[in-house]
Amino acid sequence: MENAIIIAVLVIILGLAGFYIYRAKKSGKKCIGCPAGGSCSSQKNGGCGCGFGEQ
């Protein structure tokens, strides 16, 4: 019974995370998780203008 509860909680968490990513991408955010995600310019290296994701 405990395993079923743990699995259900994990499924809910993963589902909510997936829904958040879906909504963010649909609204046009380039850098999800970046504090300035809505205003990041797309860069050639795929990084974010705020410094996250840069190599």
PDB file of N, CA and C in Angstrom:
ATOM      1  N   MET A   1       0.817  -1.192   0.000  1.00  0.00           N
ATOM      2  CA  MET A   1       0.000   0.000   0.000  1.00  0.00           C
ATOM      3  C   MET A   1       0.865   1.261   0.000  1.00  0.00           C
ATOM      4  N   GLU A   2       1.963   1.250   0.776  1.00  0.00           N
ATOM      5  CA  GLU A   2       2.830   2.417   0.816  1.00  0.00           C
ATOM      6  C   GLU A   2       3.469   2.673  -0.544  1.00  0.00           C
ATOM      7  N   ASN A   3       3.814   1.586  -1.249  1.00  0.00           N
ATOM      8  CA  ASN A   3       4.427   1.736  -2.568  1.00  0.00           C
ATOM      9  C   ASN A   3       3.469   2.417  -3.537  1.00  0.00           C
ATOM     10  N   ALA A   4       2.208   2.086  -3.465  1.00  0.00           N
ATOM     11  CA  ALA A   4       1.216   2.691  -4.358  1.00  0.00           C
ATOM     12  C   ALA A   4       1.084   4.184  -4.075  1.00  0.00           C
ATOM     13  N   ILE A   5       1.146   4.569  -2.828  1.00  0.00           N
ATOM     14  CA  ILE A   5       1.045   5.988  -2.470  1.00  0.00           C
ATOM     15  C   ILE A   5       2.277   6.739  -2.968  1.00  0.00           C
ATOM     16  N   ILE A   6       3.442   6.161  -2.789  1.00  0.00           N
ATOM     17  CA  ILE A   6       4.679   6.791  -3.249  1.00  0.00           C
ATOM     18  C   ILE A   6       4.669   6.938  -4.766  1.00  0.00           C
ATOM     19  N   ILE A   7       4.247   5.905  -5.463  1.00  0.00           N
ATOM     20  CA  ILE A   7       4.175   5.958  -6.926  1.00  0.00           C
ATOM     21  C   ILE A   7       3.172   7.009  -7.370  1.00  0.00           C
ATOM     22  N   ALA A   8       2.034   7.100  -6.710  1.00  0.00           N
ATOM     23  CA  ALA A   8       1.020   8.090  -7.064  1.00  0.00           C
ATOM     24  C   ALA A   8       1.546   9.508  -6.862  1.00  0.00           C
ATOM     25  N   VAL A   9       2.250   9.736  -5.771  1.00  0.00           N
ATOM     26  CA  VAL A   9       2.813  11.062  -5.510  1.00  0.00           C
ATOM     27  C   VAL A   9       3.858  11.415  -6.572  1.00  0.00           C
ATOM     28  N   LEU A  10       4.714  10.465  -6.932  1.00  0.00           N
ATOM     29  CA  LEU A  10       5.715  10.712  -7.965  1.00  0.00           C
ATOM     30  C   LEU A  10       5.074  11.010  -9.314  1.00  0.00           C
ATOM     31  N   VAL A  11       4.025  10.279  -9.652  1.00  0.00           N
ATOM     32  CA  VAL A  11       3.319  10.512 -10.918  1.00  0.00           C
ATOM     33  C   VAL A  11       2.712  11.914 -10.928  1.00  0.00           C
ATOM     34  N   ILE A  12       2.143  12.330  -9.824  1.00  0.00           N
ATOM     35  CA  ILE A  12       1.550  13.672  -9.741  1.00  0.00           C
ATOM     36  C   ILE A  12       2.630  14.742  -9.887  1.00  0.00           C
ATOM     37  N   ILE A  13       3.755  14.570  -9.203  1.00  0.00           N
ATOM     38  CA  ILE A  13       4.841  15.547  -9.281  1.00  0.00           C
ATOM     39  C   ILE A  13       5.386  15.636 -10.706  1.00  0.00           C
ATOM     40  N   LEU A  14       5.624  14.494 -11.337  1.00  0.00           N
ATOM     41  CA  LEU A  14       6.140  14.491 -12.706  1.00  0.00           C
ATOM     42  C   LEU A  14       5.124  15.068 -13.681  1.00  0.00           C
ATOM     43  N   GLY A  15       3.861  14.790 -13.463  1.00  0.00           N
ATOM     44  CA  GLY A  15       2.812  15.338 -14.319  1.00  0.00           C
ATOM     45  C   GLY A  15       2.737  16.846 -14.211  1.00  0.00           C
ATOM     46  N   LEU A  16       2.813  17.369 -12.993  1.00  0.00           N
ATOM     47  CA  LEU A  16       2.781  18.816 -12.805  1.00  0.00           C
ATOM     48  C   LEU A  16       4.023  19.487 -13.412  1.00  0.00           C
ATOM     49  N   ALA A  17       5.173  18.840 -13.285  1.00  0.00           N
ATOM     50  CA  ALA A  17       6.394  19.398 -13.877  1.00  0.00           C
ATOM     51  C   ALA A  17       6.281  19.424 -15.401  1.00  0.00           C
ATOM     52  N   GLY A  18       5.763  18.357 -15.971  1.00  0.00           N
ATOM     53  CA  GLY A  18       5.571  18.311 -17.417  1.00  0.00           C
ATOM     54  C   GLY A  18       4.583  19.362 -17.894  1.00  0.00           C
ATOM     55  N   PHE A  19       3.515  19.564 -17.140  1.00  0.00           N
ATOM     56  CA  PHE A  19       2.516  20.569 -17.493  1.00  0.00           C
ATOM     57  C   PHE A  19       3.110  21.973 -17.408  1.00  0.00           C
ATOM     58  N   TYR A  20       3.960  22.218 -16.407  1.00  0.00           N
ATOM     59  CA  TYR A  20       4.639  23.514 -16.275  1.00  0.00           C
ATOM     60  C   TYR A  20       5.527  23.782 -17.492  1.00  0.00           C
ATOM     61  N   ILE A  21       6.287  22.785 -17.907  1.00  0.00           N
ATOM     62  CA  ILE A  21       7.160  22.939 -19.067  1.00  0.00           C
ATOM     63  C   ILE A  21       6.338  23.171 -20.328  1.00  0.00           C
ATOM     64  N   TYR A  22       5.244  22.441 -20.490  1.00  0.00           N
ATOM     65  CA  TYR A  22       4.365  22.600 -21.642  1.00  0.00           C
ATOM     66  C   TYR A  22       3.814  24.021 -21.710  1.00  0.00           C
ATOM     67  N   ARG A  23       3.321  24.525 -20.583  1.00  0.00           N
ATOM     68  CA  ARG A  23       2.758  25.882 -20.555  1.00  0.00           C
ATOM     69  C   ARG A  23       3.826  26.931 -20.824  1.00  0.00           C
ATOM     70  N   ALA A  24       5.020  26.739 -20.262  1.00  0.00           N
ATOM     71  CA  ALA A  24       6.099  27.708 -20.455  1.00  0.00           C
ATOM     72  C   ALA A  24       6.530  27.759 -21.919  1.00  0.00           C
ATOM     73  N   LYS A  25       6.681  26.607 -22.534  1.00  0.00           N
ATOM     74  CA  LYS A  25       7.073  26.567 -23.943  1.00  0.00           C
ATOM     75  C   LYS A  25       5.980  27.147 -24.830  1.00  0.00           C
ATOM     76  N   LYS A  26       4.738  26.880 -24.505  1.00  0.00           N
ATOM     77  CA  LYS A  26       3.619  27.381 -25.298  1.00  0.00           C
ATOM     78  C   LYS A  26       3.521  28.902 -25.195  1.00  0.00           C
ATOM     79  N   SER A  27       3.907  29.468 -24.056  1.00  0.00           N
ATOM     80  CA  SER A  27       3.848  30.919 -23.892  1.00  0.00           C
ATOM     81  C   SER A  27       5.054  31.609 -24.524  1.00  0.00           C
ATOM     82  N   GLY A  28       6.018  30.846 -25.019  1.00  0.00           N
ATOM     83  CA  GLY A  28       7.141  31.426 -25.748  1.00  0.00           C
ATOM     84  C   GLY A  28       8.400  31.627 -24.956  1.00  0.00           C
ATOM     85  N   LYS A  29       8.493  31.096 -23.760  1.00  0.00           N
ATOM     86  CA  LYS A  29       9.718  31.250 -22.976  1.00  0.00           C
ATOM     87  C   LYS A  29      10.830  30.433 -23.611  1.00  0.00           C
ATOM     88  N   LYS A  30      11.982  31.055 -23.731  1.00  0.00           N
ATOM     89  CA  LYS A  30      13.124  30.364 -24.328  1.00  0.00           C
ATOM     90  C   LYS A  30      13.934  29.611 -23.278  1.00  0.00           C
ATOM     91  N   CYS A  31      14.047  30.202 -22.092  1.00  0.00           N
ATOM     92  CA  CYS A  31      14.853  29.611 -21.025  1.00  0.00           C
ATOM     93  C   CYS A  31      13.944  29.293 -19.841  1.00  0.00           C
ATOM     94  N   ILE A  32      13.483  28.079 -19.749  1.00  0.00           N
ATOM     95  CA  ILE A  32      12.617  27.700 -18.637  1.00  0.00           C
ATOM     96  C   ILE A  32      13.485  27.558 -17.388  1.00  0.00           C
ATOM     97  N   GLY A  33      13.055  28.163 -16.309  1.00  0.00           N
ATOM     98  CA  GLY A  33      13.804  28.109 -15.068  1.00  0.00           C
ATOM     99  C   GLY A  33      14.722  29.295 -14.879  1.00  0.00           C
ATOM    100  N   CYS A  34      14.931  30.056 -15.927  1.00  0.00           N
ATOM    101  CA  CYS A  34      15.748  31.261 -15.850  1.00  0.00           C
ATOM    102  C   CYS A  34      14.902  32.375 -15.253  1.00  0.00           C
ATOM    103  N   PRO A  35      15.435  33.168 -14.332  1.00  0.00           N
ATOM    104  CA  PRO A  35      14.647  34.247 -13.741  1.00  0.00           C
ATOM    105  C   PRO A  35      14.096  35.224 -14.779  1.00  0.00           C
ATOM    106  N   ALA A  36      14.816  35.416 -15.876  1.00  0.00           N
ATOM    107  CA  ALA A  36      14.361  36.312 -16.937  1.00  0.00           C
ATOM    108  C   ALA A  36      13.937  35.499 -18.149  1.00  0.00           C
ATOM    109  N   GLY A  37      13.294  34.360 -17.924  1.00  0.00           N
ATOM    110  CA  GLY A  37      12.962  33.428 -18.999  1.00  0.00           C
ATOM    111  C   GLY A  37      12.117  34.011 -20.104  1.00  0.00           C
ATOM    112  N   GLY A  38      11.247  34.945 -19.789  1.00  0.00           N
ATOM    113  CA  GLY A  38      10.401  35.523 -20.808  1.00  0.00           C
ATOM    114  C   GLY A  38      11.113  36.536 -21.668  1.00  0.00           C
ATOM    115  N   SER A  39      12.255  37.047 -21.206  1.00  0.00           N
ATOM    116  CA  SER A  39      12.944  38.083 -21.957  1.00  0.00           C
ATOM    117  C   SER A  39      14.314  37.643 -22.464  1.00  0.00           C
ATOM    118  N   CYS A  40      14.645  36.368 -22.335  1.00  0.00           N
ATOM    119  CA  CYS A  40      15.923  35.879 -22.852  1.00  0.00           C
ATOM    120  C   CYS A  40      15.896  35.900 -24.372  1.00  0.00           C
ATOM    121  N   SER A  41      17.005  36.298 -24.966  1.00  0.00           N
ATOM    122  CA  SER A  41      17.114  36.226 -26.415  1.00  0.00           C
ATOM    123  C   SER A  41      17.697  34.869 -26.764  1.00  0.00           C
ATOM    124  N   SER A  42      17.239  34.320 -27.864  1.00  0.00           N
ATOM    125  CA  SER A  42      17.781  33.017 -28.257  1.00  0.00           C
ATOM    126  C   SER A  42      19.193  33.230 -28.782  1.00  0.00           C
ATOM    127  N   GLN A  43      20.118  32.454 -28.277  1.00  0.00           N
ATOM    128  CA  GLN A  43      21.507  32.599 -28.667  1.00  0.00           C
ATOM    129  C   GLN A  43      21.907  31.411 -29.519  1.00  0.00           C
ATOM    130  N   LYS A  44      22.977  31.581 -30.265  1.00  0.00           N
ATOM    131  CA  LYS A  44      23.420  30.546 -31.196  1.00  0.00           C
ATOM    132  C   LYS A  44      23.840  29.267 -30.473  1.00  0.00           C
ATOM    133  N   ASN A  45      24.419  29.402 -29.283  1.00  0.00           N
ATOM    134  CA  ASN A  45      24.908  28.218 -28.580  1.00  0.00           C
ATOM    135  C   ASN A  45      23.820  27.535 -27.755  1.00  0.00           C
ATOM    136  N   GLY A  46      22.588  28.037 -27.825  1.00  0.00           N
ATOM    137  CA  GLY A  46      21.497  27.424 -27.081  1.00  0.00           C
ATOM    138  C   GLY A  46      21.450  27.850 -25.637  1.00  0.00           C
ATOM    139  N   GLY A  47      22.365  28.742 -25.224  1.00  0.00           N
ATOM    140  CA  GLY A  47      22.387  29.204 -23.842  1.00  0.00           C
ATOM    141  C   GLY A  47      21.369  30.297 -23.619  1.00  0.00           C
ATOM    142  N   CYS A  48      21.298  30.721 -22.410  1.00  0.00           N
ATOM    143  CA  CYS A  48      20.359  31.760 -22.026  1.00  0.00           C
ATOM    144  C   CYS A  48      21.127  33.054 -21.797  1.00  0.00           C
ATOM    145  N   GLY A  49      20.504  34.183 -22.073  1.00  0.00           N
ATOM    146  CA  GLY A  49      21.156  35.472 -21.907  1.00  0.00           C
ATOM    147  C   GLY A  49      21.451  35.801 -20.455  1.00  0.00           C
ATOM    148  N   CYS A  50      20.812  35.107 -19.513  1.00  0.00           N
ATOM    149  CA  CYS A  50      21.024  35.420 -18.118  1.00  0.00           C
ATOM    150  C   CYS A  50      22.202  34.641 -17.529  1.00  0.00           C
ATOM    151  N   GLY A  51      22.871  33.835 -18.319  1.00  0.00           N
ATOM    152  CA  GLY A  51      24.052  33.137 -17.834  1.00  0.00           C
ATOM    153  C   GLY A  51      23.829  31.657 -17.570  1.00  0.00           C
ATOM    154  N   PHE A  52      22.591  31.219 -17.495  1.00  0.00           N
ATOM    155  CA  PHE A  52      22.332  29.792 -17.276  1.00  0.00           C
ATOM    156  C   PHE A  52      22.439  29.058 -18.607  1.00  0.00           C
ATOM    157  N   GLY A  53      22.931  27.845 -18.550  1.00  0.00           N
ATOM    158  CA  GLY A  53      22.991  27.001 -19.731  1.00  0.00           C
ATOM    159  C   GLY A  53      24.159  27.300 -20.652  1.00  0.00           C
ATOM    160  N   GLU A  54      25.037  28.193 -20.257  1.00  0.00           N
ATOM    161  CA  GLU A  54      26.185  28.490 -21.089  1.00  0.00           C
ATOM    162  C   GLU A  54      27.304  27.518 -20.777  1.00  0.00           C
ATOM    163  N   GLN A  55      28.067  27.195 -21.772  1.00  0.00           N
ATOM    164  CA  GLN A  55      29.151  26.237 -21.607  1.00  0.00           C
ATOM    165  C   GLN A  55      30.431  26.956 -21.309  1.00  0.00           C
TER     166      GLN A  55
END
